[in-house]
Amino acid sequence: MAKHDRIVRDGKVFYSVPETARMLKTSANKVRDYMGNGSLEWIQFETNGRLYVTAESLIGLKQKTTK
């Protein structure tokens, strides 16, 4: 896992889009689709910075897709 793949802020864990795609075994474009339709919560800490997905929403989506 690279330096920016996972970060912790204010006690919450966030994963980068590429790392999220790896965990879901899909593409980064599909992850962005999930972000756009509200299936994944995301945040951008800096203007024009990387996008991060909340671990909580990632776990929720993984549970939905494995049922």
N, C-alpha and C. Protein backbone atom coordinates (compact mmCIF):
# COMPACT_ATOMS: atom_id res chain seq x y z
N MET A 1 0.84 -1.17 0.00
CA MET A 1 0.00 0.00 0.00
C MET A 1 0.89 1.25 0.00
N ALA A 2 0.65 2.14 -0.94
CA ALA A 2 1.45 3.36 -1.06
C ALA A 2 1.07 4.37 0.02
N LYS A 3 1.88 5.39 0.13
CA LYS A 3 1.73 6.40 1.17
C LYS A 3 0.34 7.04 1.20
N HIS A 4 -0.22 7.33 0.04
CA HIS A 4 -1.49 8.05 -0.03
C HIS A 4 -2.69 7.13 -0.25
N ASP A 5 -2.51 5.82 -0.17
CA ASP A 5 -3.63 4.91 -0.41
C ASP A 5 -4.63 4.90 0.74
N ARG A 6 -4.15 5.15 1.95
CA ARG A 6 -5.03 5.15 3.12
C ARG A 6 -4.59 6.27 4.05
N ILE A 7 -5.56 7.06 4.50
CA ILE A 7 -5.24 8.09 5.48
C ILE A 7 -6.26 8.06 6.60
N VAL A 8 -5.86 8.58 7.73
CA VAL A 8 -6.75 8.67 8.89
C VAL A 8 -6.84 10.14 9.27
N ARG A 9 -8.05 10.64 9.35
CA ARG A 9 -8.29 12.02 9.76
C ARG A 9 -9.46 12.04 10.73
N ASP A 10 -9.26 12.70 11.85
CA ASP A 10 -10.31 12.83 12.87
C ASP A 10 -10.91 11.49 13.25
N GLY A 11 -10.08 10.47 13.31
CA GLY A 11 -10.53 9.14 13.72
C GLY A 11 -11.24 8.35 12.65
N LYS A 12 -11.34 8.87 11.42
CA LYS A 12 -11.99 8.17 10.32
C LYS A 12 -10.93 7.73 9.32
N VAL A 13 -11.20 6.60 8.68
CA VAL A 13 -10.27 6.05 7.69
C VAL A 13 -10.82 6.33 6.29
N PHE A 14 -9.92 6.76 5.40
CA PHE A 14 -10.27 7.06 4.02
C PHE A 14 -9.31 6.33 3.10
N TYR A 15 -9.83 5.85 1.96
CA TYR A 15 -9.02 5.16 0.96
C TYR A 15 -9.04 5.93 -0.35
N SER A 16 -7.92 5.93 -1.05
CA SER A 16 -7.84 6.58 -2.36
C SER A 16 -8.73 5.82 -3.35
N VAL A 17 -9.05 6.48 -4.44
CA VAL A 17 -9.87 5.84 -5.48
C VAL A 17 -9.19 4.58 -6.03
N PRO A 18 -7.89 4.63 -6.38
CA PRO A 18 -7.26 3.39 -6.87
C PRO A 18 -7.27 2.25 -5.85
N GLU A 19 -7.04 2.58 -4.58
CA GLU A 19 -7.05 1.54 -3.55
C GLU A 19 -8.46 0.99 -3.35
N THR A 20 -9.46 1.86 -3.42
CA THR A 20 -10.85 1.41 -3.33
C THR A 20 -11.17 0.47 -4.48
N ALA A 21 -10.72 0.82 -5.69
CA ALA A 21 -10.96 -0.04 -6.86
C ALA A 21 -10.31 -1.41 -6.65
N ARG A 22 -9.11 -1.41 -6.12
CA ARG A 22 -8.42 -2.69 -5.86
C ARG A 22 -9.21 -3.53 -4.87
N MET A 23 -9.71 -2.91 -3.82
CA MET A 23 -10.46 -3.64 -2.79
C MET A 23 -11.78 -4.18 -3.33
N LEU A 24 -12.40 -3.44 -4.24
CA LEU A 24 -13.67 -3.88 -4.82
C LEU A 24 -13.48 -4.76 -6.06
N LYS A 25 -12.20 -4.93 -6.47
CA LYS A 25 -11.88 -5.72 -7.67
C LYS A 25 -12.61 -5.18 -8.89
N THR A 26 -12.48 -3.86 -9.08
CA THR A 26 -13.10 -3.18 -10.20
C THR A 26 -12.17 -2.06 -10.67
N SER A 27 -12.65 -1.22 -11.56
CA SER A 27 -11.82 -0.14 -12.10
C SER A 27 -12.04 1.17 -11.32
N ALA A 28 -11.11 2.08 -11.47
CA ALA A 28 -11.24 3.40 -10.85
C ALA A 28 -12.45 4.14 -11.43
N ASN A 29 -12.73 3.94 -12.72
CA ASN A 29 -13.89 4.58 -13.33
C ASN A 29 -15.19 4.09 -12.71
N LYS A 30 -15.26 2.81 -12.40
CA LYS A 30 -16.46 2.26 -11.75
C LYS A 30 -16.60 2.84 -10.34
N VAL A 31 -15.49 3.00 -9.65
CA VAL A 31 -15.53 3.62 -8.31
C VAL A 31 -16.07 5.04 -8.42
N ARG A 32 -15.63 5.78 -9.43
CA ARG A 32 -16.14 7.14 -9.62
C ARG A 32 -17.64 7.13 -9.94
N ASP A 33 -18.10 6.11 -10.67
CA ASP A 33 -19.55 5.95 -10.91
C ASP A 33 -20.28 5.76 -9.59
N TYR A 34 -19.74 4.90 -8.72
CA TYR A 34 -20.34 4.67 -7.40
C TYR A 34 -20.36 5.97 -6.59
N MET A 35 -19.30 6.76 -6.70
CA MET A 35 -19.23 8.03 -5.99
C MET A 35 -20.29 8.99 -6.53
N GLY A 36 -20.46 8.99 -7.85
CA GLY A 36 -21.42 9.89 -8.49
C GLY A 36 -22.87 9.56 -8.18
N ASN A 37 -23.17 8.27 -8.05
CA ASN A 37 -24.56 7.90 -7.78
C ASN A 37 -24.88 7.80 -6.29
N GLY A 38 -23.88 8.11 -5.46
CA GLY A 38 -24.12 8.14 -4.01
C GLY A 38 -23.89 6.83 -3.29
N SER A 39 -23.44 5.81 -3.99
CA SER A 39 -23.18 4.52 -3.34
C SER A 39 -21.96 4.58 -2.43
N LEU A 40 -21.02 5.46 -2.76
CA LEU A 40 -19.83 5.65 -1.94
C LEU A 40 -19.73 7.11 -1.51
N GLU A 41 -19.48 7.32 -0.22
CA GLU A 41 -19.23 8.67 0.27
C GLU A 41 -17.77 9.01 0.03
N TRP A 42 -17.51 10.24 -0.35
CA TRP A 42 -16.15 10.63 -0.67
C TRP A 42 -15.87 12.04 -0.17
N ILE A 43 -14.59 12.38 -0.14
CA ILE A 43 -14.16 13.69 0.33
C ILE A 43 -12.89 14.07 -0.43
N GLN A 44 -12.71 15.37 -0.57
CA GLN A 44 -11.50 15.91 -1.17
C GLN A 44 -10.95 16.91 -0.16
N PHE A 45 -9.80 16.62 0.42
CA PHE A 45 -9.26 17.44 1.50
C PHE A 45 -8.65 18.75 1.02
N GLU A 46 -8.18 18.78 -0.21
CA GLU A 46 -7.55 19.98 -0.77
C GLU A 46 -8.16 20.26 -2.13
N THR A 47 -8.26 21.54 -2.49
CA THR A 47 -8.72 21.89 -3.82
C THR A 47 -7.79 21.27 -4.85
N ASN A 48 -8.39 20.62 -5.83
CA ASN A 48 -7.64 19.91 -6.88
C ASN A 48 -6.78 18.77 -6.33
N GLY A 49 -7.10 18.30 -5.14
CA GLY A 49 -6.36 17.19 -4.53
C GLY A 49 -6.98 15.85 -4.85
N ARG A 50 -6.39 14.83 -4.26
CA ARG A 50 -6.89 13.46 -4.45
C ARG A 50 -8.28 13.30 -3.85
N LEU A 51 -9.02 12.35 -4.41
CA LEU A 51 -10.34 12.00 -3.88
C LEU A 51 -10.17 10.77 -2.99
N TYR A 52 -10.87 10.77 -1.88
CA TYR A 52 -10.82 9.66 -0.94
C TYR A 52 -12.23 9.18 -0.63
N VAL A 53 -12.36 7.88 -0.46
CA VAL A 53 -13.63 7.24 -0.14
C VAL A 53 -13.60 6.85 1.34
N THR A 54 -14.72 7.06 2.03
CA THR A 54 -14.76 6.69 3.44
C THR A 54 -14.77 5.17 3.58
N ALA A 55 -14.05 4.68 4.55
CA ALA A 55 -14.00 3.23 4.80
C ALA A 55 -15.39 2.71 5.14
N GLU A 56 -16.16 3.52 5.85
CA GLU A 56 -17.51 3.11 6.24
C GLU A 56 -18.38 2.82 5.01
N SER A 57 -18.35 3.72 4.03
CA SER A 57 -19.17 3.50 2.83
C SER A 57 -18.62 2.36 1.98
N LEU A 58 -17.31 2.19 1.98
CA LEU A 58 -16.69 1.07 1.26
C LEU A 58 -17.16 -0.26 1.84
N ILE A 59 -17.16 -0.36 3.14
CA ILE A 59 -17.63 -1.59 3.80
C ILE A 59 -19.10 -1.84 3.49
N GLY A 60 -19.90 -0.77 3.53
CA GLY A 60 -21.33 -0.89 3.22
C GLY A 60 -21.57 -1.39 1.81
N LEU A 61 -20.82 -0.85 0.85
CA LEU A 61 -20.99 -1.28 -0.54
C LEU A 61 -20.52 -2.72 -0.73
N LYS A 62 -19.42 -3.09 -0.10
CA LYS A 62 -18.95 -4.48 -0.21
C LYS A 62 -19.98 -5.45 0.36
N GLN A 63 -20.63 -5.08 1.44
CA GLN A 63 -21.66 -5.96 2.03
C GLN A 63 -22.86 -6.07 1.10
N LYS A 64 -23.25 -4.98 0.46
CA LYS A 64 -24.38 -5.01 -0.47
C LYS A 64 -24.09 -5.88 -1.69
N THR A 65 -22.85 -5.78 -2.20
CA THR A 65 -22.53 -6.50 -3.43
C THR A 65 -22.24 -7.98 -3.19
N THR A 66 -22.00 -8.38 -1.96
CA THR A 66 -21.72 -9.79 -1.70
C THR A 66 -22.96 -10.56 -1.25
N LYS A 67 -24.06 -9.88 -1.10
CA LYS A 67 -25.30 -10.57 -0.66
C LYS A 67 -25.99 -11.23 -1.80
